[in-house]
């Protein structure tokens, strides 16, 4: 009989909020607006809580759960994986983080040359069981800091490279203005399914100009002039993205972050906004 050390009793009386496996590279399928499906490779973190009485978690069981969903991991069954983790590891809470590259074919604005642009996407899921209590202690927290109600949460994160042109530089300079590549990251709670492509387009329209993987000379000219006609601080970018997201009632909560990798400064410029309906 092989001893089960993880199930042995721990007497230090310290619960663990998250224990599990990190940086698993795993193939997943993502819904694609143009091609129905896109196969990509995700980096996955999987955790559960561990009550104070147990010495350890069975790490192999995380991979077993993942393998049972091989070939059908998507946003549609993400919460199912969380529930299966709780059942398999006899846990009250489960957390899964999944980051993956997503590719969209884009046409250059003038030449029409096609190229694939990469965008970084994330799925962030959390599920916690409600805690049974007497009415006398119903508002208290348990040993892990959770409240009685329990919760299920699924968020989508998308990072989009953009071009920004400095309004101040344009105002002061007689010959041009400095611009730079930046990155906008949104994290969204949502009520119903949405396309990644729609959020990418919304973000690109909020910057000075979009970014492409392949451009010819005529495209470079057009994008340079577009950026000059639409100067944006990082503050402008997060406000523009927020304004557009608020119009869509599908997103009751979101954060928007913008970072400019400055071309004439030895630092980045940064701004963020959080919204809750």
Protein backbone atom coordinates (compact mmCIF):
# COMPACT_ATOMS: atom_id res chain seq x y z
CA UNK A 1 0.00 0.00 0.00
CA UNK A 2 1.49 3.35 -1.10
CA UNK A 3 1.14 5.94 1.69
CA UNK A 4 -1.03 9.00 0.98
CA UNK A 5 1.01 11.72 2.66
CA UNK A 6 -1.14 14.59 1.37
CA UNK A 7 -4.17 13.31 3.29
CA UNK A 8 -2.35 13.20 6.59
CA UNK A 9 -3.49 15.62 9.25
CA UNK A 10 -1.63 18.92 9.64
CA UNK A 11 -1.68 20.37 13.16
CA UNK A 12 -0.39 23.90 12.48
CA UNK A 13 -3.95 25.24 12.06
CA UNK A 14 -3.09 27.33 8.97
CA UNK A 15 -5.46 27.14 5.97
CA UNK A 16 -4.02 27.77 2.50
CA UNK A 17 -5.92 30.05 0.11
CA UNK A 18 -4.41 28.75 -3.12
CA UNK A 19 -2.41 25.61 -3.84
CA UNK A 20 -1.98 23.96 -7.22
CA UNK A 21 0.02 23.94 -10.44
CA UNK A 22 1.38 26.82 -12.55
CA UNK A 23 2.67 27.39 -16.07
CA UNK A 24 1.10 24.37 -17.75
CA UNK A 25 1.39 24.64 -21.54
CA UNK A 26 -1.74 23.12 -23.05
CA UNK A 27 -3.62 23.16 -26.39
CA UNK A 28 -7.04 24.81 -26.37
CA UNK A 29 -9.73 25.77 -28.88
CA UNK A 30 -11.03 29.35 -29.09
CA UNK A 31 -14.09 30.50 -31.04
CA UNK A 32 -13.04 32.56 -34.07
CA UNK A 33 -15.46 34.98 -35.76
CA UNK A 34 -13.96 34.46 -39.23
CA UNK A 35 -13.01 30.78 -39.10
CA UNK A 36 -15.37 29.37 -36.42
CA UNK A 37 -12.49 27.89 -34.39
CA UNK A 38 -8.85 28.71 -33.69
CA UNK A 39 -6.39 26.25 -32.18
CA UNK A 40 -3.83 27.83 -29.87
CA UNK A 41 -1.66 26.98 -26.87
CA UNK A 42 -2.44 28.38 -23.42
CA UNK A 43 -0.38 28.86 -20.29
CA UNK A 44 -2.58 27.65 -17.44
CA UNK A 45 -2.55 28.07 -13.64
CA UNK A 46 -4.91 25.93 -11.54
CA UNK A 47 -5.52 26.28 -7.79
CA UNK A 48 -7.84 25.16 -5.01
CA UNK A 49 -8.07 26.08 -1.35
CA UNK A 50 -6.70 23.69 1.28
CA UNK A 51 -8.31 23.50 4.76
CA UNK A 52 -5.96 23.69 7.74
CA UNK A 53 -6.42 20.03 8.63
CA UNK A 54 -4.88 18.62 5.41
CA UNK A 55 -1.15 18.41 4.82
CA UNK A 56 -1.23 18.82 1.03
CA UNK A 57 -3.18 18.71 -2.24
CA UNK A 58 -2.91 15.94 -4.83
CA UNK A 59 -1.14 17.79 -7.66
CA UNK A 60 -1.67 15.03 -10.24
CA UNK A 61 -5.42 15.52 -10.03
CA UNK A 62 -5.21 19.00 -11.54
CA UNK A 63 -3.71 17.52 -14.71
CA UNK A 64 -6.25 14.70 -14.68
CA UNK A 65 -9.09 17.24 -14.74
CA UNK A 66 -7.43 19.14 -17.58
CA UNK A 67 -6.91 15.95 -19.58
CA UNK A 68 -10.59 15.05 -19.26
CA UNK A 69 -11.40 18.28 -21.11
CA UNK A 70 -8.73 17.86 -23.82
CA UNK A 71 -9.90 19.12 -27.20
CA UNK A 72 -12.91 21.03 -25.84
CA UNK A 73 -11.52 23.67 -23.49
CA UNK A 74 -13.23 26.96 -24.25
CA UNK A 75 -15.07 29.85 -22.62
CA UNK A 76 -18.27 27.78 -22.83
CA UNK A 77 -17.08 25.07 -20.43
CA UNK A 78 -14.60 27.05 -18.34
CA UNK A 79 -16.84 27.09 -15.26
CA UNK A 80 -17.38 23.34 -15.64
CA UNK A 81 -13.64 22.83 -15.19
CA UNK A 82 -13.75 24.87 -11.98
CA UNK A 83 -16.60 22.78 -10.58
CA UNK A 84 -14.81 19.57 -11.50
CA UNK A 85 -11.66 20.78 -9.74
CA UNK A 86 -13.61 21.37 -6.53
CA UNK A 87 -15.22 17.93 -6.72
CA UNK A 88 -12.04 16.05 -7.63
CA UNK A 89 -9.90 17.71 -4.98
CA UNK A 90 -12.69 17.97 -2.40
CA UNK A 91 -12.18 21.73 -2.20
CA UNK A 92 -14.53 24.63 -1.42
CA UNK A 93 -12.85 27.03 -3.87
CA UNK A 94 -11.15 26.70 -7.25
CA UNK A 95 -9.27 29.23 -9.39
CA UNK A 96 -8.10 28.85 -13.00
CA UNK A 97 -6.08 31.36 -15.03
CA UNK A 98 -5.52 30.77 -18.72
CA UNK A 99 -3.45 33.03 -21.02
CA UNK A 100 -3.10 32.42 -24.75
CA UNK A 101 -2.19 34.13 -28.04
CA UNK A 102 -5.09 34.87 -30.36
CA UNK A 103 -4.50 35.73 -34.03
CA UNK A 104 -6.62 37.95 -36.25
CA UNK A 105 -5.99 38.41 -39.97
CA UNK A 106 -5.90 42.11 -40.83
CA UNK A 107 -5.66 44.01 -44.10
CA UNK A 108 -3.26 46.95 -44.36
CA UNK A 109 -5.25 50.20 -44.77
CA UNK A 110 -4.12 51.13 -48.32
CA UNK A 111 -2.29 48.21 -49.97
CA UNK A 112 -4.69 45.63 -48.59
CA UNK A 113 -1.79 43.30 -47.73
CA UNK A 114 -2.95 40.60 -45.30
CA UNK A 115 -1.07 39.61 -42.17
CA UNK A 116 -1.75 37.94 -38.84
CA UNK A 117 -1.74 40.11 -35.71
CA UNK A 118 -1.24 38.51 -32.31
CA UNK A 119 -3.28 39.59 -29.29
CA UNK A 120 -2.81 38.29 -25.74
CA UNK A 121 -5.99 36.99 -24.14
CA UNK A 122 -6.84 35.63 -20.70
CA UNK A 123 -9.64 33.68 -19.07
CA UNK A 124 -9.86 34.11 -15.29
CA UNK A 125 -12.27 31.90 -13.39
CA UNK A 126 -13.14 31.53 -9.73
CA UNK A 127 -15.74 29.42 -7.94
CA UNK A 128 -16.37 29.28 -4.20
CA UNK A 129 -18.98 27.28 -2.32
CA UNK A 130 -21.31 29.05 0.10
CA UNK A 131 -20.53 28.43 3.76
CA UNK A 132 -23.23 26.92 5.94
CA UNK A 133 -23.66 28.83 9.22
CA UNK A 134 -26.12 29.40 11.98
CA UNK A 135 -28.02 32.70 11.88
CA UNK A 136 -25.93 33.95 14.82
CA UNK A 137 -22.69 33.86 12.77
CA UNK A 138 -24.10 34.45 9.30
CA UNK A 139 -22.13 37.63 8.65
CA UNK A 140 -18.77 36.32 9.79
CA UNK A 141 -15.94 35.08 7.57
CA UNK A 142 -14.49 31.59 7.57
CA UNK A 143 -10.83 30.68 8.21
CA UNK A 144 -9.89 31.45 4.58
CA UNK A 145 -11.53 34.89 4.62
CA UNK A 146 -14.53 33.93 2.46
CA UNK A 147 -18.06 35.09 3.19
CA UNK A 148 -21.21 32.96 3.41
CA UNK A 149 -22.64 33.73 -0.02
CA UNK A 150 -20.12 31.93 -2.20
CA UNK A 151 -19.47 33.13 -5.74
CA UNK A 152 -18.75 32.22 -9.33
CA UNK A 153 -16.79 34.60 -11.52
CA UNK A 154 -15.55 34.45 -15.09
CA UNK A 155 -13.54 37.32 -16.59
CA UNK A 156 -11.98 37.81 -20.02
CA UNK A 157 -8.82 39.86 -20.51
CA UNK A 158 -7.55 41.19 -23.87
CA UNK A 159 -4.31 43.10 -24.55
CA UNK A 160 -4.08 45.13 -27.76
CA UNK A 161 -1.01 46.95 -29.15
CA UNK A 162 -1.79 50.45 -30.41
CA UNK A 163 -0.11 53.62 -31.68
CA UNK A 164 -0.45 56.87 -29.74
CA UNK A 165 0.69 60.37 -30.69
CA UNK A 166 1.35 62.95 -27.97
CA UNK A 167 -1.12 65.90 -28.10
CA UNK A 168 1.33 68.13 -26.23
CA UNK A 169 4.15 67.41 -28.67
CA UNK A 170 1.86 68.11 -31.62
CA UNK A 171 0.76 71.41 -30.08
CA UNK A 172 4.31 72.63 -29.44
CA UNK A 173 6.24 71.33 -32.44
CA UNK A 174 6.46 72.93 -35.85
CA UNK A 175 7.75 69.74 -37.53
CA UNK A 176 5.82 66.64 -36.45
CA UNK A 177 5.15 65.11 -33.03
CA UNK A 178 6.51 62.13 -31.15
CA UNK A 179 4.51 58.93 -31.21
CA UNK A 180 5.02 55.49 -29.76
CA UNK A 181 3.64 52.00 -29.55
CA UNK A 182 1.46 51.33 -26.53
CA UNK A 183 -0.63 48.52 -25.10
CA UNK A 184 -4.21 48.64 -23.90
CA UNK A 185 -5.50 45.87 -21.63
CA UNK A 186 -9.15 45.40 -20.76
CA UNK A 187 -10.54 42.88 -18.27
CA UNK A 188 -14.28 42.30 -18.60
CA UNK A 189 -17.17 40.71 -16.76
CA UNK A 190 -19.93 39.88 -19.23
CA UNK A 191 -23.55 38.75 -19.34
CA UNK A 192 -23.51 36.88 -22.65
CA UNK A 193 -21.06 35.70 -25.30
CA UNK A 194 -19.07 38.30 -27.26
CA UNK A 195 -16.40 38.17 -29.95
CA UNK A 196 -12.79 38.98 -29.10
CA UNK A 197 -12.55 40.74 -32.46
CA UNK A 198 -15.23 43.28 -31.49
CA UNK A 199 -13.33 44.34 -28.37
CA UNK A 200 -10.05 44.55 -30.31
CA UNK A 201 -11.67 46.85 -32.88
CA UNK A 202 -13.18 49.02 -30.13
CA UNK A 203 -9.77 49.48 -28.51
CA UNK A 204 -7.98 50.23 -31.78
CA UNK A 205 -10.58 52.88 -32.63
CA UNK A 206 -9.90 54.55 -29.27
CA UNK A 207 -6.15 55.05 -29.91
CA UNK A 208 -4.33 57.30 -32.37
CA UNK A 209 -3.90 54.46 -34.87
CA UNK A 210 -3.92 50.64 -34.95
CA UNK A 211 -0.84 48.42 -35.27
CA UNK A 212 -0.24 45.94 -38.12
CA UNK A 213 2.22 43.10 -38.66
CA UNK A 214 2.80 44.00 -42.33
CA UNK A 215 2.77 47.44 -43.94
CA UNK A 216 3.89 48.79 -47.32
CA UNK A 217 5.11 52.37 -47.79
CA UNK A 218 1.67 53.69 -48.68
CA UNK A 219 0.27 52.09 -45.51
CA UNK A 220 2.95 53.67 -43.33
CA UNK A 221 2.10 57.08 -44.76
CA UNK A 222 -1.61 56.60 -44.09
CA UNK A 223 -1.11 55.38 -40.51
CA UNK A 224 1.36 58.15 -39.67
CA UNK A 225 -1.13 60.75 -40.87
CA UNK A 226 -3.99 59.00 -39.04
CA UNK A 227 -2.06 59.14 -35.76
CA UNK A 228 -1.22 62.83 -36.32
CA UNK A 229 -4.92 63.59 -36.83
CA UNK A 230 -5.91 61.68 -33.65
CA UNK A 231 -3.48 62.60 -30.85
CA UNK A 232 -4.06 60.71 -27.58
CA UNK A 233 -2.59 60.79 -24.08
CA UNK A 234 -2.88 57.54 -22.10
CA UNK A 235 -5.63 59.35 -20.19
CA UNK A 236 -7.50 59.90 -23.46
CA UNK A 237 -7.15 56.25 -24.42
CA UNK A 238 -8.57 54.78 -21.20
CA UNK A 239 -11.42 57.30 -21.24
CA UNK A 240 -12.26 56.57 -24.89
CA UNK A 241 -12.23 52.80 -24.34
CA UNK A 242 -14.33 53.17 -21.18
CA UNK A 243 -16.87 55.38 -22.94
CA UNK A 244 -17.33 52.82 -25.71
CA UNK A 245 -17.54 49.85 -23.34
CA UNK A 246 -20.18 51.60 -21.20
CA UNK A 247 -22.44 51.84 -24.24
CA UNK A 248 -22.55 48.04 -24.34
CA UNK A 249 -24.77 46.79 -21.53
CA UNK A 250 -23.15 43.35 -21.83
CA UNK A 251 -20.23 44.53 -19.65
CA UNK A 252 -21.38 45.32 -16.08
CA UNK A 253 -17.80 45.57 -14.79
CA UNK A 254 -14.45 46.22 -16.46
CA UNK A 255 -10.99 47.66 -16.03
CA UNK A 256 -9.03 49.48 -18.74
CA UNK A 257 -5.26 49.96 -18.57
CA UNK A 258 -3.10 51.82 -21.06
CA UNK A 259 0.69 51.89 -21.14
CA UNK A 260 2.75 53.93 -23.62
CA UNK A 261 6.31 52.74 -24.21
CA UNK A 262 7.55 56.29 -24.63
CA UNK A 263 9.82 57.08 -27.57
CA UNK A 264 11.56 60.17 -26.06
CA UNK A 265 11.42 59.29 -22.34
CA UNK A 266 13.17 56.57 -20.35
CA UNK A 267 9.90 55.47 -18.77
CA UNK A 268 6.38 54.44 -19.68
CA UNK A 269 3.23 56.50 -19.31
CA UNK A 270 0.32 54.67 -17.64
CA UNK A 271 -3.38 55.16 -16.81
CA UNK A 272 -6.20 52.89 -15.62
CA UNK A 273 -9.96 53.03 -15.09
CA UNK A 274 -12.33 50.69 -13.26
CA UNK A 275 -16.06 50.72 -13.92
CA UNK A 276 -18.98 48.97 -12.19
CA UNK A 277 -22.55 49.41 -13.35
